PDB file of N, CA and C in Angstrom:
ATOM      1  N   MET A   1      31.863 -11.701 -12.978  1.00  0.00           N
ATOM      2  CA  MET A   1      32.170 -10.390 -11.496  1.00  0.00           C
ATOM      3  C   MET A   1      31.255  -9.763 -11.336  1.00  0.00           C
ATOM      4  N   ILE A   2      30.399  -9.200 -10.413  1.00  0.00           N
ATOM      5  CA  ILE A   2      30.350  -8.072 -10.398  1.00  0.00           C
ATOM      6  C   ILE A   2      31.113  -6.860  -9.328  1.00  0.00           C
ATOM      7  N   LYS A   3      31.251  -5.839 -10.052  1.00  0.00           N
ATOM      8  CA  LYS A   3      31.916  -4.890  -9.014  1.00  0.00           C
ATOM      9  C   LYS A   3      30.951  -3.641  -8.546  1.00  0.00           C
ATOM     10  N   TYR A   4      30.999  -3.007  -7.419  1.00  0.00           N
ATOM     11  CA  TYR A   4      29.888  -2.566  -6.868  1.00  0.00           C
ATOM     12  C   TYR A   4      30.759  -1.828  -5.834  1.00  0.00           C
ATOM     13  N   GLU A   5      31.400  -0.646  -6.036  1.00  0.00           N
ATOM     14  CA  GLU A   5      31.377   0.247  -4.364  1.00  0.00           C
ATOM     15  C   GLU A   5      32.632  -0.295  -3.245  1.00  0.00           C
ATOM     16  N   GLY A   6      33.452  -1.051  -4.495  1.00  0.00           N
ATOM     17  CA  GLY A   6      34.632  -2.113  -4.135  1.00  0.00           C
ATOM     18  C   GLY A   6      33.883  -3.409  -2.920  1.00  0.00           C
ATOM     19  N   VAL A   7      33.451  -3.514  -3.534  1.00  0.00           N
ATOM     20  CA  VAL A   7      32.836  -5.253  -3.372  1.00  0.00           C
ATOM     21  C   VAL A   7      32.487  -5.683  -4.250  1.00  0.00           C
ATOM     22  N   GLU A   8      32.783  -7.055  -4.841  1.00  0.00           N
ATOM     23  CA  GLU A   8      32.869  -7.801  -4.895  1.00  0.00           C
ATOM     24  C   GLU A   8      31.666  -9.034  -5.323  1.00  0.00           C
ATOM     25  N   TYR A   9      30.658  -9.379  -6.439  1.00  0.00           N
ATOM     26  CA  TYR A   9      29.824 -10.041  -6.231  1.00  0.00           C
ATOM     27  C   TYR A   9      29.821 -11.173  -7.778  1.00  0.00           C
ATOM     28  N   HIS A  10      30.160 -11.843  -6.657  1.00  0.00           N
ATOM     29  CA  HIS A  10      29.503 -13.459  -8.194  1.00  0.00           C
ATOM     30  C   HIS A  10      28.891 -13.120  -9.182  1.00  0.00           C
ATOM     31  N   CYS A  11      27.265 -12.110  -8.868  1.00  0.00           N
ATOM     32  CA  CYS A  11      26.411 -11.968 -10.219  1.00  0.00           C
ATOM     33  C   CYS A  11      25.905 -10.926  -9.775  1.00  0.00           C
ATOM     34  N   SER A  12      24.925  -9.688 -10.509  1.00  0.00           N
ATOM     35  CA  SER A  12      23.661  -9.130 -10.436  1.00  0.00           C
ATOM     36  C   SER A  12      23.007  -9.412  -9.620  1.00  0.00           C
ATOM     37  N   MET A  13      22.716 -11.121  -9.552  1.00  0.00           N
ATOM     38  CA  MET A  13      21.665 -10.553  -8.578  1.00  0.00           C
ATOM     39  C   MET A  13      22.542 -11.194  -7.316  1.00  0.00           C
ATOM     40  N   GLU A  14      23.216 -12.015  -6.623  1.00  0.00           N
ATOM     41  CA  GLU A  14      23.597 -10.858  -5.345  1.00  0.00           C
ATOM     42  C   GLU A  14      23.840  -9.354  -5.139  1.00  0.00           C
ATOM     43  N   LEU A  15      24.379  -8.900  -5.721  1.00  0.00           N
ATOM     44  CA  LEU A  15      24.181  -7.348  -5.908  1.00  0.00           C
ATOM     45  C   LEU A  15      22.505  -7.592  -5.504  1.00  0.00           C
ATOM     46  N   THR A  16      21.762  -7.205  -6.398  1.00  0.00           N
ATOM     47  CA  THR A  16      20.503  -6.644  -5.801  1.00  0.00           C
ATOM     48  C   THR A  16      19.838  -7.296  -4.245  1.00  0.00           C
ATOM     49  N   LEU A  17      19.697  -8.618  -4.388  1.00  0.00           N
ATOM     50  CA  LEU A  17      19.267  -8.746  -3.198  1.00  0.00           C
ATOM     51  C   LEU A  17      20.203  -8.000  -1.594  1.00  0.00           C
ATOM     52  N   GLU A  18      21.999  -8.088  -2.639  1.00  0.00           N
ATOM     53  CA  GLU A  18      21.975  -7.457  -1.339  1.00  0.00           C
ATOM     54  C   GLU A  18      21.660  -5.848  -0.674  1.00  0.00           C
ATOM     55  N   LEU A  19      21.020  -5.498  -2.488  1.00  0.00           N
ATOM     56  CA  LEU A  19      20.667  -3.637  -2.221  1.00  0.00           C
ATOM     57  C   LEU A  19      19.051  -3.414  -1.450  1.00  0.00           C
ATOM     58  N   ILE A  20      18.785  -3.896  -1.349  1.00  0.00           N
ATOM     59  CA  ILE A  20      17.313  -4.803  -1.751  1.00  0.00           C
ATOM     60  C   ILE A  20      16.279  -6.087  -0.157  1.00  0.00           C
ATOM     61  N   GLY A  21      17.186  -7.268  -0.673  1.00  0.00           N
ATOM     62  CA  GLY A  21      16.668  -8.589   0.384  1.00  0.00           C
ATOM     63  C   GLY A  21      16.575  -8.111   1.572  1.00  0.00           C
ATOM     64  N   GLY A  22      15.423  -8.725   2.087  1.00  0.00           N
ATOM     65  CA  GLY A  22      15.290  -9.179   3.842  1.00  0.00           C
ATOM     66  C   GLY A  22      13.278  -9.057   3.472  1.00  0.00           C
ATOM     67  N   LYS A  23      13.132  -9.409   4.434  1.00  0.00           N
ATOM     68  CA  LYS A  23      12.486  -8.540   5.238  1.00  0.00           C
ATOM     69  C   LYS A  23      11.702  -8.173   4.531  1.00  0.00           C
ATOM     70  N   TRP A  24      12.669  -6.460   5.209  1.00  0.00           N
ATOM     71  CA  TRP A  24      12.287  -4.801   4.955  1.00  0.00           C
ATOM     72  C   TRP A  24      12.098  -4.314   3.978  1.00  0.00           C
ATOM     73  N   LYS A  25      13.247  -3.859   3.388  1.00  0.00           N
ATOM     74  CA  LYS A  25      13.795  -3.455   2.821  1.00  0.00           C
ATOM     75  C   LYS A  25      13.049  -3.165   1.663  1.00  0.00           C
ATOM     76  N   PRO A  26      12.274  -4.313   0.491  1.00  0.00           N
ATOM     77  CA  PRO A  26      11.483  -4.071  -0.792  1.00  0.00           C
ATOM     78  C   PRO A  26       9.218  -3.746   0.073  1.00  0.00           C
ATOM     79  N   LEU A  27       9.737  -4.055   1.362  1.00  0.00           N
ATOM     80  CA  LEU A  27       7.847  -3.252   2.499  1.00  0.00           C
ATOM     81  C   LEU A  27       7.923  -1.615   2.524  1.00  0.00           C
ATOM     82  N   ILE A  28       9.122  -1.130   2.815  1.00  0.00           N
ATOM     83  CA  ILE A  28       9.179   0.034   2.566  1.00  0.00           C
ATOM     84  C   ILE A  28       9.449   1.312   1.105  1.00  0.00           C
ATOM     85  N   ILE A  29       9.979   0.420   0.493  1.00  0.00           N
ATOM     86  CA  ILE A  29      10.144   0.758  -1.449  1.00  0.00           C
ATOM     87  C   ILE A  29       8.543   1.374  -1.601  1.00  0.00           C
ATOM     88  N   TRP A  30       7.785   0.096  -1.480  1.00  0.00           N
ATOM     89  CA  TRP A  30       7.051  -0.110  -1.559  1.00  0.00           C
ATOM     90  C   TRP A  30       5.708   0.767  -1.606  1.00  0.00           C
ATOM     91  N   TYR A  31       5.829   0.999   0.739  1.00  0.00           N
ATOM     92  CA  TYR A  31       4.965   2.337   0.596  1.00  0.00           C
ATOM     93  C   TYR A  31       5.012   3.450   0.560  1.00  0.00           C
ATOM     94  N   LEU A  32       6.480   3.756   0.582  1.00  0.00           N
ATOM     95  CA  LEU A  32       6.567   5.440   0.224  1.00  0.00           C
ATOM     96  C   LEU A  32       7.087   5.073  -1.958  1.00  0.00           C
ATOM     97  N   ALA A  33       5.876   4.035  -2.213  1.00  0.00           N
ATOM     98  CA  ALA A  33       5.760   4.138  -3.983  1.00  0.00           C
ATOM     99  C   ALA A  33       4.491   5.085  -3.604  1.00  0.00           C
ATOM    100  N   GLU A  34       3.719   5.237  -2.683  1.00  0.00           N
ATOM    101  CA  GLU A  34       3.319   5.743  -2.776  1.00  0.00           C
ATOM    102  C   GLU A  34       2.915   7.223  -2.939  1.00  0.00           C
ATOM    103  N   ASN A  35       3.368   7.377  -1.299  1.00  0.00           N
ATOM    104  CA  ASN A  35       4.258   9.689  -0.412  1.00  0.00           C
ATOM    105  C   ASN A  35       4.984   9.629   0.291  1.00  0.00           C
ATOM    106  N   THR A  36       5.613   9.916   0.201  1.00  0.00           N
ATOM    107  CA  THR A  36       6.398  11.044   0.709  1.00  0.00           C
ATOM    108  C   THR A  36       5.920  10.603   2.487  1.00  0.00           C
ATOM    109  N   MET A  37       6.880   9.957   3.182  1.00  0.00           N
ATOM    110  CA  MET A  37       6.475   9.150   4.677  1.00  0.00           C
ATOM    111  C   MET A  37       8.362  10.311   5.350  1.00  0.00           C
ATOM    112  N   ARG A  38       6.626   9.860   7.051  1.00  0.00           N
ATOM    113  CA  ARG A  38       7.669  10.528   7.644  1.00  0.00           C
ATOM    114  C   ARG A  38       7.952   8.979   9.041  1.00  0.00           C
ATOM    115  N   PHE A  39       9.362   9.055   9.120  1.00  0.00           N
ATOM    116  CA  PHE A  39       9.500   7.627  10.262  1.00  0.00           C
ATOM    117  C   PHE A  39       8.358   7.131  10.858  1.00  0.00           C
ATOM    118  N   SER A  40       7.662   7.977  11.803  1.00  0.00           N
ATOM    119  CA  SER A  40       6.704   7.755  12.441  1.00  0.00           C
ATOM    120  C   SER A  40       5.796   6.915  11.867  1.00  0.00           C
ATOM    121  N   GLU A  41       5.269   7.663  10.539  1.00  0.00           N
ATOM    122  CA  GLU A  41       3.726   6.842   9.330  1.00  0.00           C
ATOM    123  C   GLU A  41       4.757   5.643   8.653  1.00  0.00           C
ATOM    124  N   LEU A  42       5.583   4.929   8.514  1.00  0.00           N
ATOM    125  CA  LEU A  42       6.482   4.120   8.059  1.00  0.00           C
ATOM    126  C   LEU A  42       6.041   3.584   8.964  1.00  0.00           C
ATOM    127  N   LYS A  43       6.592   2.963  10.326  1.00  0.00           N
ATOM    128  CA  LYS A  43       6.613   2.477  11.927  1.00  0.00           C
ATOM    129  C   LYS A  43       5.139   1.674  11.758  1.00  0.00           C
ATOM    130  N   ARG A  44       3.835   3.188  11.687  1.00  0.00           N
ATOM    131  CA  ARG A  44       2.941   3.295  11.322  1.00  0.00           C
ATOM    132  C   ARG A  44       2.355   1.324  10.411  1.00  0.00           C
ATOM    133  N   ALA A  45       2.835   1.834  10.156  1.00  0.00           N
ATOM    134  CA  ALA A  45       2.830   0.803   8.053  1.00  0.00           C
ATOM    135  C   ALA A  45       3.349  -0.355   8.297  1.00  0.00           C
ATOM    136  N   LEU A  46       3.761  -0.810   9.759  1.00  0.00           N
ATOM    137  CA  LEU A  46       5.414  -2.475   9.550  1.00  0.00           C
ATOM    138  C   LEU A  46       4.720  -1.959  10.672  1.00  0.00           C
ATOM    139  N   PRO A  47       3.589  -2.665  11.371  1.00  0.00           N
ATOM    140  CA  PRO A  47       3.655  -2.586  13.367  1.00  0.00           C
ATOM    141  C   PRO A  47       5.054  -3.786  12.861  1.00  0.00           C
ATOM    142  N   ASN A  48       5.284  -5.054  13.100  1.00  0.00           N
ATOM    143  CA  ASN A  48       6.812  -5.434  13.398  1.00  0.00           C
ATOM    144  C   ASN A  48       7.249  -4.814  13.821  1.00  0.00           C
ATOM    145  N   ILE A  49       8.044  -4.059  12.753  1.00  0.00           N
ATOM    146  CA  ILE A  49       9.150  -4.512  12.717  1.00  0.00           C
ATOM    147  C   ILE A  49      10.189  -3.117  13.594  1.00  0.00           C
ATOM    148  N   THR A  50      11.209  -3.351  14.583  1.00  0.00           N
ATOM    149  CA  THR A  50      11.559  -2.248  15.696  1.00  0.00           C
ATOM    150  C   THR A  50      11.506  -1.146  14.998  1.00  0.00           C
ATOM    151  N   HIS A  51      11.639  -0.130  16.132  1.00  0.00           N
ATOM    152  CA  HIS A  51      12.121   0.978  16.035  1.00  0.00           C
ATOM    153  C   HIS A  51      13.507   1.283  15.347  1.00  0.00           C
ATOM    154  N   LYS A  52      14.500   0.378  16.180  1.00  0.00           N
ATOM    155  CA  LYS A  52      16.042  -0.056  15.086  1.00  0.00           C
ATOM    156  C   LYS A  52      16.122  -0.252  14.840  1.00  0.00           C
ATOM    157  N   MET A  53      15.323  -1.643  14.298  1.00  0.00           N
ATOM    158  CA  MET A  53      15.278  -2.354  12.669  1.00  0.00           C
ATOM    159  C   MET A  53      14.994  -1.679  11.461  1.00  0.00           C
ATOM    160  N   LEU A  54      13.520  -0.441  11.286  1.00  0.00           N
ATOM    161  CA  LEU A  54      13.082   0.753  11.303  1.00  0.00           C
ATOM    162  C   LEU A  54      14.703   1.198  10.445  1.00  0.00           C
ATOM    163  N   THR A  55      14.928   2.301  11.407  1.00  0.00           N
ATOM    164  CA  THR A  55      16.612   2.462  11.348  1.00  0.00           C
ATOM    165  C   THR A  55      17.010   3.158  10.498  1.00  0.00           C
ATOM    166  N   GLN A  56      17.983   1.360  10.513  1.00  0.00           N
ATOM    167  CA  GLN A  56      18.977   0.806   9.461  1.00  0.00           C
ATOM    168  C   GLN A  56      18.952   0.327   8.477  1.00  0.00           C
ATOM    169  N   GLN A  57      17.744  -0.284   8.633  1.00  0.00           N
ATOM    170  CA  GLN A  57      16.733   0.090   6.902  1.00  0.00           C
ATOM    171  C   GLN A  57      16.694   0.560   6.380  1.00  0.00           C
ATOM    172  N   LEU A  58      16.193   1.816   7.109  1.00  0.00           N
ATOM    173  CA  LEU A  58      16.439   3.347   6.535  1.00  0.00           C
ATOM    174  C   LEU A  58      17.757   3.961   5.478  1.00  0.00           C
ATOM    175  N   ARG A  59      18.575   3.514   6.777  1.00  0.00           N
ATOM    176  CA  ARG A  59      20.193   4.407   6.165  1.00  0.00           C
ATOM    177  C   ARG A  59      20.066   3.041   5.467  1.00  0.00           C
ATOM    178  N   GLY A  60      20.175   2.146   5.404  1.00  0.00           N
ATOM    179  CA  GLY A  60      20.989   1.272   4.317  1.00  0.00           C
ATOM    180  C   GLY A  60      20.017   1.371   2.136  1.00  0.00           C
ATOM    181  N   LEU A  61      19.146   1.689   3.214  1.00  0.00           N
ATOM    182  CA  LEU A  61      18.468   2.641   1.982  1.00  0.00           C
ATOM    183  C   LEU A  61      18.710   3.204   1.059  1.00  0.00           C
ATOM    184  N   GLU A  62      19.314   4.214   2.235  1.00  0.00           N
ATOM    185  CA  GLU A  62      19.088   5.920   1.842  1.00  0.00           C
ATOM    186  C   GLU A  62      21.548   5.551   1.259  1.00  0.00           C
ATOM    187  N   GLU A  63      22.017   4.716   1.875  1.00  0.00           N
ATOM    188  CA  GLU A  63      22.829   4.687   1.313  1.00  0.00           C
ATOM    189  C   GLU A  63      23.133   3.783  -0.019  1.00  0.00           C
ATOM    190  N   SER A  64      22.321   3.388  -0.485  1.00  0.00           N
ATOM    191  CA  SER A  64      22.662   2.624  -1.382  1.00  0.00           C
ATOM    192  C   SER A  64      21.379   3.646  -2.934  1.00  0.00           C
ATOM    193  N   GLY A  65      21.075   4.752  -2.538  1.00  0.00           N
ATOM    194  CA  GLY A  65      21.347   5.416  -3.190  1.00  0.00           C
ATOM    195  C   GLY A  65      18.893   5.526  -3.513  1.00  0.00           C
ATOM    196  N   LEU A  66      18.901   4.399  -3.075  1.00  0.00           N
ATOM    197  CA  LEU A  66      17.526   3.725  -3.271  1.00  0.00           C
ATOM    198  C   LEU A  66      16.929   5.000  -2.363  1.00  0.00           C
ATOM    199  N   VAL A  67      16.813   5.793  -1.123  1.00  0.00           N
ATOM    200  CA  VAL A  67      15.737   6.586  -0.669  1.00  0.00           C
ATOM    201  C   VAL A  67      16.150   7.671  -0.421  1.00  0.00           C
ATOM    202  N   ASN A  68      15.601   8.917  -0.014  1.00  0.00           N
ATOM    203  CA  ASN A  68      15.959  10.391  -0.060  1.00  0.00           C
ATOM    204  C   ASN A  68      15.721   9.973   2.178  1.00  0.00           C
ATOM    205  N   ARG A  69      16.328  11.115   2.073  1.00  0.00           N
ATOM    206  CA  ARG A  69      16.047  11.694   3.139  1.00  0.00           C
ATOM    207  C   ARG A  69      16.408  12.856   3.906  1.00  0.00           C
ATOM    208  N   HIS A  70      15.083  13.733   3.229  1.00  0.00           N
ATOM    209  CA  HIS A  70      14.865  14.891   3.613  1.00  0.00           C
ATOM    210  C   HIS A  70      14.549  15.496   5.475  1.00  0.00           C
ATOM    211  N   ILE A  71      16.010  16.306   6.076  1.00  0.00           N
ATOM    212  CA  ILE A  71      15.624  16.220   6.951  1.00  0.00           C
ATOM    213  C   ILE A  71      14.786  17.851   7.246  1.00  0.00           C
ATOM    214  N   TYR A  72      13.741  18.654   7.786  1.00  0.00           N
ATOM    215  CA  TYR A  72      13.243  20.267   7.935  1.00  0.00           C
ATOM    216  C   TYR A  72      14.118  20.533   9.521  1.00  0.00           C
ATOM    217  N   THR A  73      14.798  21.480   9.005  1.00  0.00           N
ATOM    218  CA  THR A  73      15.329  22.389  10.317  1.00  0.00           C
ATOM    219  C   THR A  73      13.655  22.950  10.798  1.00  0.00           C
ATOM    220  N   GLU A  74      13.165  22.803  11.905  1.00  0.00           N
ATOM    221  CA  GLU A  74      12.654  23.238  12.534  1.00  0.00           C
ATOM    222  C   GLU A  74      12.294  22.520  13.493  1.00  0.00           C
ATOM    223  N   ILE A  75      11.548  23.119  14.554  1.00  0.00           N
ATOM    224  CA  ILE A  75      11.627  22.613  15.990  1.00  0.00           C
ATOM    225  C   ILE A  75       9.935  22.256  16.099  1.00  0.00           C
ATOM    226  N   PRO A  76       9.527  20.562  16.317  1.00  0.00           N
ATOM    227  CA  PRO A  76      10.650  20.230  16.353  1.00  0.00           C
ATOM    228  C   PRO A  76      11.201  19.157  15.159  1.00  0.00           C
ATOM    229  N   PRO A  77      12.417  18.634  15.059  1.00  0.00           N
ATOM    230  CA  PRO A  77      13.103  18.043  13.926  1.00  0.00           C
ATOM    231  C   PRO A  77      11.895  17.535  13.173  1.00  0.00           C
ATOM    232  N   LYS A  78      12.426  17.835  11.857  1.00  0.00           N
ATOM    233  CA  LYS A  78      10.818  16.711  10.596  1.00  0.00           C
ATOM    234  C   LYS A  78      11.662  16.410  10.232  1.00  0.00           C
ATOM    235  N   VAL A  79      11.348  15.144   9.732  1.00  0.00           N
ATOM    236  CA  VAL A  79      12.599  13.800   8.645  1.00  0.00           C
ATOM    237  C   VAL A  79      11.727  12.997   7.921  1.00  0.00           C
ATOM    238  N   GLU A  80      11.340  13.589   6.009  1.00  0.00           N
ATOM    239  CA  GLU A  80      10.565  12.440   6.141  1.00  0.00           C
ATOM    240  C   GLU A  80      11.348  11.526   4.909  1.00  0.00           C
ATOM    241  N   TYR A  81      10.893  11.006   3.955  1.00  0.00           N
ATOM    242  CA  TYR A  81      12.100   9.764   3.990  1.00  0.00           C
ATOM    243  C   TYR A  81      11.249  10.226   2.375  1.00  0.00           C
ATOM    244  N   SER A  82      11.275   9.659   0.613  1.00  0.00           N
ATOM    245  CA  SER A  82      11.271   9.134  -0.285  1.00  0.00           C
ATOM    246  C   SER A  82      11.492   7.950  -0.836  1.00  0.00           C
ATOM    247  N   LEU A  83      11.599   7.999  -2.008  1.00  0.00           N
ATOM    248  CA  LEU A  83      12.347   7.036  -3.033  1.00  0.00           C
ATOM    249  C   LEU A  83      12.794   8.295  -4.466  1.00  0.00           C
ATOM    250  N   THR A  84      13.957   7.356  -4.369  1.00  0.00           N
ATOM    251  CA  THR A  84      14.608   8.210  -5.307  1.00  0.00           C
ATOM    252  C   THR A  84      14.434   7.872  -7.449  1.00  0.00           C
ATOM    253  N   SER A  85      14.689   7.990  -7.352  1.00  0.00           N
ATOM    254  CA  SER A  85      14.835   7.747  -9.220  1.00  0.00           C
ATOM    255  C   SER A  85      15.019   5.986  -9.010  1.00  0.00           C
ATOM    256  N   ALA A  86      15.923   6.190  -8.275  1.00  0.00           N
ATOM    257  CA  ALA A  86      16.711   4.918  -9.108  1.00  0.00           C
ATOM    258  C   ALA A  86      15.807   4.010  -7.811  1.00  0.00           C
ATOM    259  N   GLY A  87      15.437   4.657  -6.705  1.00  0.00           N
ATOM    260  CA  GLY A  87      13.512   2.965  -5.995  1.00  0.00           C
ATOM    261  C   GLY A  87      12.430   3.563  -6.740  1.00  0.00           C
ATOM    262  N   LYS A  88      12.669   5.015  -7.241  1.00  0.00           N
ATOM    263  CA  LYS A  88      11.222   4.394  -8.257  1.00  0.00           C
ATOM    264  C   LYS A  88      11.804   3.398  -9.171  1.00  0.00           C
ATOM    265  N   SER A  89      12.868   2.654 -10.118  1.00  0.00           N
ATOM    266  CA  SER A  89      12.626   1.957 -10.605  1.00  0.00           C
ATOM    267  C   SER A  89      12.235   0.288 -10.161  1.00  0.00           C
ATOM    268  N   LEU A  90      12.131   0.553  -8.936  1.00  0.00           N
ATOM    269  CA  LEU A  90      12.042  -0.980  -8.515  1.00  0.00           C
ATOM    270  C   LEU A  90      11.027  -1.453  -8.724  1.00  0.00           C
ATOM    271  N   LEU A  91       9.885   0.050  -8.272  1.00  0.00           N
ATOM    272  CA  LEU A  91       8.595  -0.490  -8.521  1.00  0.00           C
ATOM    273  C   LEU A  91       7.696  -1.437  -9.533  1.00  0.00           C
ATOM    274  N   PRO A  92       7.698  -1.387 -10.739  1.00  0.00           N
ATOM    275  CA  PRO A  92       7.434  -2.752 -11.274  1.00  0.00           C
ATOM    276  C   PRO A  92       7.460  -3.576 -11.354  1.00  0.00           C
ATOM    277  N   ILE A  93       8.650  -4.011 -10.319  1.00  0.00           N
ATOM    278  CA  ILE A  93       9.186  -5.049  -9.884  1.00  0.00           C
ATOM    279  C   ILE A  93       9.018  -5.368  -8.458  1.00  0.00           C
ATOM    280  N   LEU A  94       8.846  -4.858  -7.832  1.00  0.00           N
ATOM    281  CA  LEU A  94       7.753  -5.225  -6.649  1.00  0.00           C
ATOM    282  C   LEU A  94       6.559  -5.457  -7.205  1.00  0.00           C
ATOM    283  N   GLU A  95       6.007  -4.923  -7.941  1.00  0.00           N
ATOM    284  CA  GLU A  95       3.989  -5.056  -8.729  1.00  0.00           C
ATOM    285  C   GLU A  95       4.383  -6.017  -8.989  1.00  0.00           C
ATOM    286  N   SER A  96       5.255  -6.383  -9.928  1.00  0.00           N
ATOM    287  CA  SER A  96       4.902  -8.486 -10.480  1.00  0.00           C
ATOM    288  C   SER A  96       5.580  -9.214  -8.754  1.00  0.00           C
ATOM    289  N   LEU A  97       6.603  -8.782  -8.311  1.00  0.00           N
ATOM    290  CA  LEU A  97       6.350  -9.491  -7.074  1.00  0.00           C
ATOM    291  C   LEU A  97       5.197 -10.014  -6.512  1.00  0.00           C
ATOM    292  N   ARG A  98       4.550  -8.360  -5.989  1.00  0.00           N
ATOM    293  CA  ARG A  98       2.285  -8.409  -5.929  1.00  0.00           C
ATOM    294  C   ARG A  98       2.044  -9.155  -6.210  1.00  0.00           C
ATOM    295  N   GLN A  99       1.058  -9.068  -7.649  1.00  0.00           N
ATOM    296  CA  GLN A  99       0.568 -10.194  -8.573  1.00  0.00           C
ATOM    297  C   GLN A  99       1.159 -11.325  -8.258  1.00  0.00           C
ATOM    298  N   TRP A 100       2.194 -12.114  -7.553  1.00  0.00           N
ATOM    299  CA  TRP A 100       3.022 -13.455  -7.763  1.00  0.00           C
ATOM    300  C   TRP A 100       2.244 -13.400  -6.539  1.00  0.00           C
ATOM    301  N   GLY A 101       1.934 -13.091  -6.060  1.00  0.00           N
ATOM    302  CA  GLY A 101       1.463 -13.247  -4.667  1.00  0.00           C
ATOM    303  C   GLY A 101       0.101 -13.153  -4.137  1.00  0.00           C
ATOM    304  N   VAL A 102      -0.682 -13.129  -4.744  1.00  0.00           N
ATOM    305  CA  VAL A 102      -1.742 -12.998  -5.316  1.00  0.00           C
ATOM    306  C   VAL A 102      -2.180 -14.418  -5.658  1.00  0.00           C
ATOM    307  N   ASN A 103      -1.624 -14.539  -7.711  1.00  0.00           N
ATOM    308  CA  ASN A 103      -1.750 -15.968  -7.811  1.00  0.00           C
ATOM    309  C   ASN A 103      -1.616 -16.343  -7.008  1.00  0.00           C
ATOM    310  N   PHE A 104      -0.597 -16.893  -6.493  1.00  0.00           N
ATOM    311  CA  PHE A 104      -0.090 -17.793  -5.984  1.00  0.00           C
ATOM    312  C   PHE A 104      -0.592 -18.436  -5.053  1.00  0.00           C
ATOM    313  N   SER A 105      -1.590 -17.536  -4.002  1.00  0.00           N
ATOM    314  CA  SER A 105      -2.355 -17.409  -2.981  1.00  0.00           C
ATOM    315  C   SER A 105      -4.217 -17.809  -3.359  1.00  0.00           C
ATOM    316  N   LYS A 106      -3.345 -18.723  -4.226  1.00  0.00           N
ATOM    317  CA  LYS A 106      -5.581 -18.245  -4.771  1.00  0.00           C
ATOM    318  C   LYS A 106      -5.466 -19.826  -5.565  1.00  0.00           C
ATOM    319  N   LYS A 107      -4.367 -20.558  -5.121  1.00  0.00           N
ATOM    320  CA  LYS A 107      -3.770 -21.594  -5.785  1.00  0.00           C
ATOM    321  C   LYS A 107      -4.482 -22.889  -4.476  1.00  0.00           C
TER     322      LYS A 107
END
């Protein structure tokens, strides 16, 4: 058993998948690896994601401490997203997954 923020998980893999699992979270992290992005830029990078889903996924990543959300107090409001150090620590893992996909597609 592993406990994180008051929730018990049967193993660390269960916790990991809770934090970064799903179709969109790894892709959001991957796109934020290159640079800070605004919501609209992420939406363009992920054309098949709905506005609502992107909002939910970004909130989840922010709550998990993987993504920073910076609000600029200007008109119109400007919000930018970037990876935290914890988010950046996932990049070698995502690169390994990307490379696995490249190798798998050549079979």
